[in-house]
Amino acid sequence: MRLLALTLLVWTLSTPLTFAQPSFDCTLASQVAEKVICGSKELSQLDQKITQRYLDTLESAQDDITSLRQTQRQWLMERNKCEYGFDCILQQSLQRLRELNSSYSEPFSWGGVLRQSPSLDAARVGSTYERQPITVLAQQSEYWNGYPWFKVVANGLQAYQWGGIICDPSMPDKTYCEE
């Protein structure tokens, strides 16, 4: 029994503690705020989310890449001024994530039926799940309940979906984006 307890103790002490990794290499962290992030699971996970959203936004940005990069650098400088302030880093990071989320403009479906043509009477050819990314190809001339139909690509299919179950932030008057 003692041998088992001793073995467990040695194994526990020799197993390194692991935290969620931020988007950067902690061994290269040069700023105090970066070191604080490396020591916090919560801040590391938030840093990962910010970086992923930033990269997604950068990928979908068409004209404003320079401005987006400049804004990200400015935010990093502001965040780094927090130094040891966990709450300051947390608030700066949450604010940046909100900004990136509001500027991210990938169209998605709220979930619903894909149709063969732009009509509720058209044959069903597939469906989308809630918040599934889609590609909007073209707005159609047909409307229903105040929203137009759109030709979309989802699940590898070209089909039609009604604008009332699509969110495309670049077309706020023609799609439904309210939570």
N, C-alpha and C. Protein backbone atom coordinates (compact mmCIF):
# COMPACT_ATOMS: atom_id res chain seq x y z
N MET A 1 0.82 -1.19 0.00
CA MET A 1 0.00 0.00 0.00
C MET A 1 0.86 1.25 0.00
N ARG A 2 1.93 1.21 0.82
CA ARG A 2 2.84 2.36 0.87
C ARG A 2 3.51 2.58 -0.48
N LEU A 3 3.86 1.48 -1.13
CA LEU A 3 4.51 1.57 -2.44
C LEU A 3 3.58 2.24 -3.45
N LEU A 4 2.32 1.88 -3.42
CA LEU A 4 1.34 2.49 -4.32
C LEU A 4 1.20 3.98 -4.03
N ALA A 5 1.09 4.34 -2.77
CA ALA A 5 0.97 5.75 -2.39
C ALA A 5 2.21 6.53 -2.80
N LEU A 6 3.39 5.95 -2.58
CA LEU A 6 4.64 6.60 -2.95
C LEU A 6 4.73 6.76 -4.47
N THR A 7 4.33 5.74 -5.20
CA THR A 7 4.34 5.80 -6.67
C THR A 7 3.41 6.91 -7.17
N LEU A 8 2.21 6.99 -6.61
CA LEU A 8 1.27 8.04 -6.99
C LEU A 8 1.81 9.43 -6.67
N LEU A 9 2.45 9.58 -5.51
CA LEU A 9 3.01 10.86 -5.12
C LEU A 9 4.11 11.28 -6.09
N VAL A 10 5.02 10.37 -6.41
CA VAL A 10 6.11 10.68 -7.34
C VAL A 10 5.54 11.04 -8.72
N TRP A 11 4.56 10.27 -9.19
CA TRP A 11 3.96 10.54 -10.50
C TRP A 11 3.28 11.90 -10.51
N THR A 12 2.54 12.24 -9.45
CA THR A 12 1.84 13.52 -9.37
C THR A 12 2.82 14.68 -9.38
N LEU A 13 3.90 14.56 -8.63
CA LEU A 13 4.88 15.65 -8.56
C LEU A 13 5.68 15.78 -9.85
N SER A 14 5.85 14.69 -10.58
CA SER A 14 6.64 14.75 -11.81
C SER A 14 5.81 15.16 -13.03
N THR A 15 4.49 15.12 -12.92
CA THR A 15 3.63 15.50 -14.04
C THR A 15 3.51 17.02 -14.06
N PRO A 16 3.90 17.66 -15.16
CA PRO A 16 3.82 19.12 -15.20
C PRO A 16 2.37 19.60 -15.24
N LEU A 17 2.14 20.74 -14.61
CA LEU A 17 0.83 21.37 -14.70
C LEU A 17 0.68 21.95 -16.09
N THR A 18 -0.44 21.75 -16.71
CA THR A 18 -0.64 22.29 -18.05
C THR A 18 -1.81 23.25 -18.04
N PHE A 19 -1.60 24.35 -18.70
CA PHE A 19 -2.63 25.36 -18.86
C PHE A 19 -2.99 25.41 -20.33
N ALA A 20 -4.12 26.01 -20.62
CA ALA A 20 -4.47 26.26 -22.02
C ALA A 20 -3.39 27.17 -22.60
N GLN A 21 -2.99 26.90 -23.79
CA GLN A 21 -1.95 27.70 -24.43
C GLN A 21 -2.56 28.89 -25.15
N PRO A 22 -1.96 30.07 -25.01
CA PRO A 22 -2.43 31.21 -25.80
C PRO A 22 -2.01 31.04 -27.26
N SER A 23 -2.28 32.03 -28.06
CA SER A 23 -1.98 31.96 -29.49
C SER A 23 -0.50 32.14 -29.79
N PHE A 24 0.28 32.51 -28.79
CA PHE A 24 1.71 32.75 -29.01
C PHE A 24 2.53 31.80 -28.15
N ASP A 25 3.81 31.71 -28.45
CA ASP A 25 4.72 30.83 -27.72
C ASP A 25 5.12 31.51 -26.41
N CYS A 26 4.72 30.93 -25.30
CA CYS A 26 5.00 31.54 -23.99
C CYS A 26 6.49 31.62 -23.68
N THR A 27 7.29 30.76 -24.28
CA THR A 27 8.74 30.84 -24.01
C THR A 27 9.34 32.08 -24.66
N LEU A 28 8.63 32.68 -25.60
CA LEU A 28 9.10 33.89 -26.27
C LEU A 28 8.40 35.16 -25.78
N ALA A 29 7.55 35.02 -24.77
CA ALA A 29 6.79 36.18 -24.26
C ALA A 29 7.77 37.23 -23.72
N SER A 30 7.65 38.45 -24.22
CA SER A 30 8.55 39.52 -23.80
C SER A 30 7.83 40.60 -23.00
N GLN A 31 6.53 40.70 -23.14
CA GLN A 31 5.75 41.70 -22.42
C GLN A 31 5.20 41.10 -21.13
N VAL A 32 5.10 41.92 -20.10
CA VAL A 32 4.55 41.46 -18.82
C VAL A 32 3.14 40.91 -19.02
N ALA A 33 2.31 41.62 -19.78
CA ALA A 33 0.93 41.17 -20.01
C ALA A 33 0.91 39.80 -20.69
N GLU A 34 1.83 39.55 -21.59
CA GLU A 34 1.90 38.24 -22.25
C GLU A 34 2.21 37.14 -21.23
N LYS A 35 3.08 37.44 -20.29
CA LYS A 35 3.44 36.45 -19.26
C LYS A 35 2.25 36.19 -18.33
N VAL A 36 1.47 37.23 -18.04
CA VAL A 36 0.26 37.05 -17.24
C VAL A 36 -0.72 36.15 -17.99
N ILE A 37 -0.88 36.38 -19.29
CA ILE A 37 -1.77 35.56 -20.12
C ILE A 37 -1.31 34.10 -20.10
N CYS A 38 0.00 33.89 -20.20
CA CYS A 38 0.54 32.52 -20.19
C CYS A 38 0.24 31.80 -18.88
N GLY A 39 0.11 32.53 -17.79
CA GLY A 39 -0.16 31.93 -16.49
C GLY A 39 -1.63 31.77 -16.17
N SER A 40 -2.51 32.15 -17.09
CA SER A 40 -3.95 32.09 -16.82
C SER A 40 -4.67 31.28 -17.89
N LYS A 41 -5.37 30.26 -17.46
CA LYS A 41 -6.16 29.45 -18.40
C LYS A 41 -7.23 30.31 -19.07
N GLU A 42 -7.91 31.14 -18.27
CA GLU A 42 -8.99 31.99 -18.80
C GLU A 42 -8.47 32.97 -19.85
N LEU A 43 -7.37 33.66 -19.53
CA LEU A 43 -6.82 34.63 -20.48
C LEU A 43 -6.24 33.94 -21.71
N SER A 44 -5.65 32.75 -21.52
CA SER A 44 -5.10 32.01 -22.66
C SER A 44 -6.21 31.60 -23.63
N GLN A 45 -7.33 31.12 -23.08
CA GLN A 45 -8.45 30.73 -23.94
C GLN A 45 -9.04 31.94 -24.66
N LEU A 46 -9.13 33.06 -23.96
CA LEU A 46 -9.64 34.28 -24.57
C LEU A 46 -8.70 34.76 -25.67
N ASP A 47 -7.39 34.67 -25.43
CA ASP A 47 -6.41 35.04 -26.44
C ASP A 47 -6.56 34.18 -27.69
N GLN A 48 -6.81 32.89 -27.50
CA GLN A 48 -7.03 31.99 -28.64
C GLN A 48 -8.26 32.42 -29.44
N LYS A 49 -9.34 32.76 -28.75
CA LYS A 49 -10.57 33.20 -29.43
C LYS A 49 -10.34 34.48 -30.22
N ILE A 50 -9.64 35.44 -29.60
CA ILE A 50 -9.36 36.71 -30.28
C ILE A 50 -8.54 36.46 -31.53
N THR A 51 -7.50 35.65 -31.40
CA THR A 51 -6.63 35.37 -32.55
C THR A 51 -7.39 34.68 -33.66
N GLN A 52 -8.23 33.70 -33.32
CA GLN A 52 -9.00 33.00 -34.35
C GLN A 52 -9.97 33.94 -35.05
N ARG A 53 -10.67 34.77 -34.28
CA ARG A 53 -11.62 35.72 -34.88
C ARG A 53 -10.88 36.74 -35.73
N TYR A 54 -9.71 37.21 -35.25
CA TYR A 54 -8.90 38.15 -36.03
C TYR A 54 -8.49 37.53 -37.36
N LEU A 55 -8.01 36.29 -37.34
CA LEU A 55 -7.59 35.62 -38.58
C LEU A 55 -8.78 35.40 -39.51
N ASP A 56 -9.93 35.01 -38.95
CA ASP A 56 -11.13 34.84 -39.77
C ASP A 56 -11.54 36.16 -40.41
N THR A 57 -11.50 37.23 -39.62
CA THR A 57 -11.88 38.55 -40.12
C THR A 57 -10.89 39.02 -41.18
N LEU A 58 -9.61 38.79 -40.93
CA LEU A 58 -8.57 39.17 -41.89
C LEU A 58 -8.77 38.43 -43.21
N GLU A 59 -9.12 37.16 -43.12
CA GLU A 59 -9.35 36.35 -44.31
C GLU A 59 -10.55 36.84 -45.12
N SER A 60 -11.59 37.30 -44.42
CA SER A 60 -12.79 37.73 -45.13
C SER A 60 -12.77 39.21 -45.50
N ALA A 61 -11.82 39.97 -44.94
CA ALA A 61 -11.73 41.41 -45.25
C ALA A 61 -11.29 41.57 -46.69
N GLN A 62 -11.97 42.47 -47.40
CA GLN A 62 -11.61 42.65 -48.80
C GLN A 62 -10.80 43.91 -49.04
N ASP A 63 -11.21 45.03 -48.45
CA ASP A 63 -10.52 46.28 -48.73
C ASP A 63 -9.69 46.78 -47.56
N ASP A 64 -10.08 46.42 -46.38
CA ASP A 64 -9.58 47.11 -45.20
C ASP A 64 -8.54 46.33 -44.41
N ILE A 65 -7.71 45.53 -45.06
CA ILE A 65 -6.73 44.70 -44.37
C ILE A 65 -5.73 45.56 -43.61
N THR A 66 -5.24 46.62 -44.23
CA THR A 66 -4.26 47.50 -43.57
C THR A 66 -4.84 48.11 -42.31
N SER A 67 -6.05 48.59 -42.39
CA SER A 67 -6.71 49.19 -41.22
C SER A 67 -6.94 48.15 -40.13
N LEU A 68 -7.34 46.95 -40.51
CA LEU A 68 -7.57 45.88 -39.54
C LEU A 68 -6.27 45.53 -38.81
N ARG A 69 -5.19 45.42 -39.54
CA ARG A 69 -3.89 45.12 -38.91
C ARG A 69 -3.45 46.25 -37.98
N GLN A 70 -3.65 47.48 -38.43
CA GLN A 70 -3.29 48.65 -37.61
C GLN A 70 -4.10 48.65 -36.30
N THR A 71 -5.38 48.36 -36.39
CA THR A 71 -6.24 48.32 -35.20
C THR A 71 -5.79 47.21 -34.25
N GLN A 72 -5.41 46.07 -34.80
CA GLN A 72 -4.94 44.96 -33.96
C GLN A 72 -3.65 45.33 -33.24
N ARG A 73 -2.72 45.96 -33.95
CA ARG A 73 -1.46 46.38 -33.32
C ARG A 73 -1.71 47.40 -32.22
N GLN A 74 -2.62 48.34 -32.49
CA GLN A 74 -2.97 49.36 -31.49
C GLN A 74 -3.57 48.70 -30.25
N TRP A 75 -4.46 47.73 -30.47
CA TRP A 75 -5.06 47.02 -29.34
C TRP A 75 -3.99 46.28 -28.52
N LEU A 76 -3.05 45.62 -29.20
CA LEU A 76 -1.98 44.91 -28.49
C LEU A 76 -1.17 45.87 -27.62
N MET A 77 -0.89 47.07 -28.14
CA MET A 77 -0.14 48.06 -27.34
C MET A 77 -0.94 48.47 -26.11
N GLU A 78 -2.24 48.67 -26.28
CA GLU A 78 -3.10 49.05 -25.14
C GLU A 78 -3.18 47.91 -24.13
N ARG A 79 -3.36 46.70 -24.62
CA ARG A 79 -3.43 45.54 -23.72
C ARG A 79 -2.13 45.37 -22.94
N ASN A 80 -1.00 45.57 -23.61
CA ASN A 80 0.29 45.40 -22.95
C ASN A 80 0.55 46.46 -21.88
N LYS A 81 -0.13 47.59 -21.95
CA LYS A 81 -0.01 48.61 -20.90
C LYS A 81 -0.60 48.13 -19.58
N CYS A 82 -1.43 47.11 -19.64
CA CYS A 82 -2.05 46.57 -18.42
C CYS A 82 -1.01 45.91 -17.50
N GLU A 83 0.10 45.47 -18.06
CA GLU A 83 1.15 44.76 -17.34
C GLU A 83 0.58 43.64 -16.47
N TYR A 84 0.66 43.76 -15.14
CA TYR A 84 0.23 42.69 -14.22
C TYR A 84 -1.28 42.70 -13.95
N GLY A 85 -2.01 43.66 -14.48
CA GLY A 85 -3.43 43.81 -14.18
C GLY A 85 -4.30 42.78 -14.88
N PHE A 86 -4.59 41.69 -14.19
CA PHE A 86 -5.43 40.63 -14.76
C PHE A 86 -6.76 41.19 -15.25
N ASP A 87 -7.45 41.96 -14.39
CA ASP A 87 -8.76 42.51 -14.77
C ASP A 87 -8.65 43.45 -15.96
N CYS A 88 -7.58 44.23 -16.01
CA CYS A 88 -7.35 45.14 -17.14
C CYS A 88 -7.17 44.34 -18.43
N ILE A 89 -6.34 43.30 -18.38
CA ILE A 89 -6.11 42.45 -19.56
C ILE A 89 -7.42 41.79 -19.98
N LEU A 90 -8.17 41.29 -19.00
CA LEU A 90 -9.44 40.65 -19.28
C LEU A 90 -10.41 41.62 -19.97
N GLN A 91 -10.55 42.82 -19.44
CA GLN A 91 -11.48 43.80 -20.01
C GLN A 91 -11.03 44.24 -21.41
N GLN A 92 -9.73 44.50 -21.58
CA GLN A 92 -9.21 44.86 -22.91
C GLN A 92 -9.48 43.74 -23.92
N SER A 93 -9.29 42.51 -23.48
CA SER A 93 -9.46 41.36 -24.37
C SER A 93 -10.93 41.14 -24.72
N LEU A 94 -11.80 41.24 -23.73
CA LEU A 94 -13.24 41.08 -24.01
C LEU A 94 -13.74 42.16 -24.96
N GLN A 95 -13.25 43.39 -24.77
CA GLN A 95 -13.65 44.49 -25.65
C GLN A 95 -13.18 44.22 -27.09
N ARG A 96 -11.95 43.74 -27.23
CA ARG A 96 -11.42 43.45 -28.57
C ARG A 96 -12.22 42.33 -29.23
N LEU A 97 -12.57 41.31 -28.47
CA LEU A 97 -13.36 40.22 -29.04
C LEU A 97 -14.72 40.73 -29.50
N ARG A 98 -15.34 41.61 -28.71
CA ARG A 98 -16.63 42.20 -29.12
C ARG A 98 -16.47 42.99 -30.42
N GLU A 99 -15.40 43.77 -30.52
CA GLU A 99 -15.16 44.55 -31.74
C GLU A 99 -14.98 43.64 -32.95
N LEU A 100 -14.18 42.61 -32.78
CA LEU A 100 -13.95 41.69 -33.90
C LEU A 100 -15.22 40.95 -34.28
N ASN A 101 -15.99 40.53 -33.29
CA ASN A 101 -17.26 39.84 -33.59
C ASN A 101 -18.22 40.74 -34.34
N SER A 102 -18.25 42.02 -33.99
CA SER A 102 -19.19 42.93 -34.67
C SER A 102 -18.74 43.26 -36.09
N SER A 103 -17.44 43.15 -36.36
CA SER A 103 -16.97 43.48 -37.71
C SER A 103 -16.88 42.25 -38.61
N TYR A 104 -16.99 41.07 -38.02
CA TYR A 104 -16.90 39.84 -38.80
C TYR A 104 -18.16 39.67 -39.63
N SER A 105 -18.01 39.47 -40.91
CA SER A 105 -19.19 39.52 -41.78
C SER A 105 -19.41 38.26 -42.62
N GLU A 106 -19.09 37.12 -42.10
CA GLU A 106 -19.35 35.89 -42.86
C GLU A 106 -20.84 35.56 -42.80
N PRO A 107 -21.50 35.42 -43.93
CA PRO A 107 -22.92 35.06 -43.93
C PRO A 107 -23.14 33.68 -43.32
N PHE A 108 -24.28 33.51 -42.67
CA PHE A 108 -24.62 32.20 -42.12
C PHE A 108 -26.13 32.02 -42.17
N SER A 109 -26.53 30.77 -42.02
CA SER A 109 -27.96 30.44 -41.97
C SER A 109 -28.35 30.23 -40.52
N TRP A 110 -29.57 30.63 -40.20
CA TRP A 110 -30.11 30.36 -38.87
C TRP A 110 -30.59 28.92 -38.78
N GLY A 111 -30.49 28.21 -39.88
CA GLY A 111 -30.95 26.82 -39.94
C GLY A 111 -32.28 26.76 -40.66
N GLY A 112 -32.39 25.87 -41.61
CA GLY A 112 -33.65 25.76 -42.33
C GLY A 112 -33.51 24.96 -43.60
N VAL A 113 -34.55 25.02 -44.39
CA VAL A 113 -34.67 24.21 -45.60
C VAL A 113 -33.98 24.90 -46.78
N LEU A 114 -33.28 24.09 -47.57
CA LEU A 114 -32.74 24.52 -48.86
C LEU A 114 -33.72 24.04 -49.92
N ARG A 115 -34.08 24.94 -50.84
CA ARG A 115 -35.10 24.63 -51.85
C ARG A 115 -34.48 24.57 -53.26
N GLN A 116 -35.19 23.88 -54.15
CA GLN A 116 -34.76 23.73 -55.53
C GLN A 116 -34.93 25.03 -56.31
N SER A 117 -35.91 25.84 -55.95
CA SER A 117 -36.13 27.14 -56.57
C SER A 117 -36.61 28.10 -55.47
N PRO A 118 -36.64 29.41 -55.73
CA PRO A 118 -36.99 30.38 -54.69
C PRO A 118 -38.49 30.45 -54.39
N SER A 119 -38.99 29.42 -53.74
CA SER A 119 -40.42 29.36 -53.39
C SER A 119 -40.61 28.36 -52.26
N LEU A 120 -41.56 28.64 -51.38
CA LEU A 120 -41.89 27.70 -50.31
C LEU A 120 -42.48 26.41 -50.86
N ASP A 121 -43.02 26.47 -52.06
CA ASP A 121 -43.61 25.29 -52.68
C ASP A 121 -42.59 24.42 -53.41
N ALA A 122 -41.36 24.92 -53.56
CA ALA A 122 -40.33 24.19 -54.30
C ALA A 122 -39.86 22.97 -53.49
N ALA A 123 -39.34 22.00 -54.21
CA ALA A 123 -38.86 20.77 -53.58
C ALA A 123 -37.71 21.07 -52.62
N ARG A 124 -37.72 20.35 -51.53
CA ARG A 124 -36.64 20.45 -50.54
C ARG A 124 -35.45 19.64 -51.05
N VAL A 125 -34.25 20.27 -51.07
CA VAL A 125 -33.05 19.57 -51.54
C VAL A 125 -32.02 19.39 -50.43
N GLY A 126 -32.27 19.97 -49.28
CA GLY A 126 -31.34 19.84 -48.17
C GLY A 126 -31.73 20.77 -47.04
N SER A 127 -30.85 20.89 -46.07
CA SER A 127 -31.12 21.79 -44.95
C SER A 127 -29.80 22.30 -44.37
N THR A 128 -29.91 23.33 -43.55
CA THR A 128 -28.75 23.89 -42.86
C THR A 128 -29.01 23.84 -41.36
N TYR A 129 -27.93 23.80 -40.59
CA TYR A 129 -28.05 23.83 -39.13
C TYR A 129 -27.87 25.26 -38.64
N GLU A 130 -28.20 25.51 -37.39
CA GLU A 130 -28.14 26.86 -36.84
C GLU A 130 -26.72 27.41 -36.88
N ARG A 131 -26.59 28.62 -37.43
CA ARG A 131 -25.33 29.35 -37.58
C ARG A 131 -24.34 28.68 -38.53
N GLN A 132 -24.83 27.88 -39.45
CA GLN A 132 -23.97 27.25 -40.44
C GLN A 132 -23.49 28.29 -41.44
N PRO A 133 -22.17 28.41 -41.65
CA PRO A 133 -21.68 29.33 -42.67
C PRO A 133 -22.19 28.91 -44.06
N ILE A 134 -22.57 29.89 -44.85
CA ILE A 134 -23.03 29.65 -46.22
C ILE A 134 -22.38 30.67 -47.13
N THR A 135 -22.43 30.41 -48.42
CA THR A 135 -21.98 31.38 -49.41
C THR A 135 -23.22 31.90 -50.13
N VAL A 136 -23.40 33.21 -50.10
CA VAL A 136 -24.53 33.83 -50.79
C VAL A 136 -24.06 34.17 -52.20
N LEU A 137 -24.70 33.58 -53.20
CA LEU A 137 -24.32 33.81 -54.59
C LEU A 137 -25.06 35.00 -55.20
N ALA A 138 -26.38 35.06 -54.97
CA ALA A 138 -27.16 36.14 -55.60
C ALA A 138 -28.51 36.29 -54.92
N GLN A 139 -28.95 37.53 -54.86
CA GLN A 139 -30.31 37.80 -54.39
C GLN A 139 -31.26 37.53 -55.54
N GLN A 140 -32.41 36.96 -55.24
CA GLN A 140 -33.42 36.68 -56.25
C GLN A 140 -34.51 37.76 -56.21
N SER A 141 -35.33 37.82 -57.23
CA SER A 141 -36.38 38.84 -57.28
C SER A 141 -37.61 38.44 -56.45
N GLU A 142 -37.73 37.17 -56.09
CA GLU A 142 -38.86 36.69 -55.31
C GLU A 142 -38.70 37.07 -53.83
N TYR A 143 -39.81 37.52 -53.24
CA TYR A 143 -39.84 37.89 -51.82
C TYR A 143 -40.92 37.07 -51.12
N TRP A 144 -40.73 36.87 -49.83
CA TRP A 144 -41.77 36.30 -48.99
C TRP A 144 -41.65 36.92 -47.60
N ASN A 145 -42.74 37.42 -47.08
CA ASN A 145 -42.79 37.99 -45.74
C ASN A 145 -41.74 39.09 -45.53
N GLY A 146 -41.52 39.88 -46.57
CA GLY A 146 -40.61 41.03 -46.46
C GLY A 146 -39.15 40.76 -46.74
N TYR A 147 -38.78 39.51 -46.97
CA TYR A 147 -37.38 39.17 -47.24
C TYR A 147 -37.26 38.51 -48.61
N PRO A 148 -36.16 38.79 -49.33
CA PRO A 148 -35.97 38.13 -50.62
C PRO A 148 -35.40 36.72 -50.45
N TRP A 149 -35.48 35.96 -51.50
CA TRP A 149 -34.82 34.66 -51.56
C TRP A 149 -33.41 34.86 -52.09
N PHE A 150 -32.51 33.95 -51.72
CA PHE A 150 -31.12 34.02 -52.17
C PHE A 150 -30.69 32.67 -52.73
N LYS A 151 -29.87 32.74 -53.78
CA LYS A 151 -29.20 31.54 -54.26
C LYS A 151 -27.96 31.40 -53.39
N VAL A 152 -27.77 30.23 -52.78
CA VAL A 152 -26.68 30.02 -51.84
C VAL A 152 -25.95 28.71 -52.14
N VAL A 153 -24.78 28.58 -51.55
CA VAL A 153 -24.07 27.30 -51.53
C VAL A 153 -23.98 26.87 -50.07
N ALA A 154 -24.49 25.69 -49.78
CA ALA A 154 -24.42 25.11 -48.44
C ALA A 154 -24.32 23.60 -48.58
N ASN A 155 -23.47 23.00 -47.81
CA ASN A 155 -23.31 21.53 -47.84
C ASN A 155 -22.94 21.04 -49.24
N GLY A 156 -22.21 21.85 -49.99
CA GLY A 156 -21.81 21.47 -51.34
C GLY A 156 -22.91 21.58 -52.38
N LEU A 157 -24.08 22.09 -51.99
CA LEU A 157 -25.22 22.23 -52.91
C LEU A 157 -25.45 23.68 -53.27
N GLN A 158 -25.81 23.93 -54.52
CA GLN A 158 -26.36 25.23 -54.89
C GLN A 158 -27.86 25.10 -54.75
N ALA A 159 -28.43 25.98 -53.95
CA ALA A 159 -29.87 25.89 -53.69
C ALA A 159 -30.37 27.29 -53.34
N TYR A 160 -31.61 27.36 -52.89
CA TYR A 160 -32.23 28.64 -52.55
C TYR A 160 -32.66 28.62 -51.09
N GLN A 161 -32.43 29.76 -50.43
CA GLN A 161 -32.87 29.89 -49.05
C GLN A 161 -33.45 31.29 -48.87
N TRP A 162 -34.46 31.37 -48.05
CA TRP A 162 -35.17 32.61 -47.78
C TRP A 162 -34.34 33.52 -46.88
N GLY A 163 -34.32 34.82 -47.19
CA GLY A 163 -33.52 35.79 -46.44
C GLY A 163 -33.88 35.94 -44.99
N GLY A 164 -35.08 35.52 -44.59
CA GLY A 164 -35.49 35.61 -43.19
C GLY A 164 -34.78 34.60 -42.30
N ILE A 165 -34.11 33.62 -42.90
CA ILE A 165 -33.33 32.66 -42.10
C ILE A 165 -31.85 32.70 -42.48
N ILE A 166 -31.44 33.83 -43.07
CA ILE A 166 -30.04 34.06 -43.41
C ILE A 166 -29.60 35.33 -42.70
N CYS A 167 -28.36 35.34 -42.22
CA CYS A 167 -27.76 36.58 -41.73
C CYS A 167 -26.53 36.86 -42.59
N ASP A 168 -26.56 37.98 -43.28
CA ASP A 168 -25.40 38.47 -44.02
C ASP A 168 -25.22 39.91 -43.59
N PRO A 169 -24.26 40.18 -42.68
CA PRO A 169 -24.10 41.54 -42.16
C PRO A 169 -23.86 42.60 -43.24
N SER A 170 -23.44 42.18 -44.43
CA SER A 170 -23.26 43.16 -45.50
C SER A 170 -24.60 43.54 -46.14
N MET A 171 -25.68 42.83 -45.79
CA MET A 171 -27.02 43.12 -46.31
C MET A 171 -28.03 43.16 -45.16
N PRO A 172 -27.89 44.08 -44.22
CA PRO A 172 -28.76 44.07 -43.03
C PRO A 172 -30.23 44.32 -43.33
N ASP A 173 -30.56 44.99 -44.43
CA ASP A 173 -31.96 45.26 -44.76
C ASP A 173 -32.63 44.11 -45.50
N LYS A 174 -31.84 43.14 -45.95
CA LYS A 174 -32.39 42.05 -46.75
C LYS A 174 -32.26 40.69 -46.09
N THR A 175 -31.55 40.63 -44.97
CA THR A 175 -31.42 39.39 -44.22
C THR A 175 -31.68 39.68 -42.75
N TYR A 176 -31.85 38.62 -41.96
CA TYR A 176 -32.21 38.77 -40.55
C TYR A 176 -30.99 38.44 -39.68
N CYS A 177 -30.45 39.47 -39.00
CA CYS A 177 -29.24 39.26 -38.20
C CYS A 177 -29.42 39.55 -36.72
N GLU A 178 -30.63 39.76 -36.26
CA GLU A 178 -30.84 40.06 -34.84
C GLU A 178 -30.80 38.78 -34.03
N GLU A 179 -30.18 38.86 -32.85
CA GLU A 179 -30.11 37.69 -31.94
C GLU A 179 -31.41 37.57 -31.20
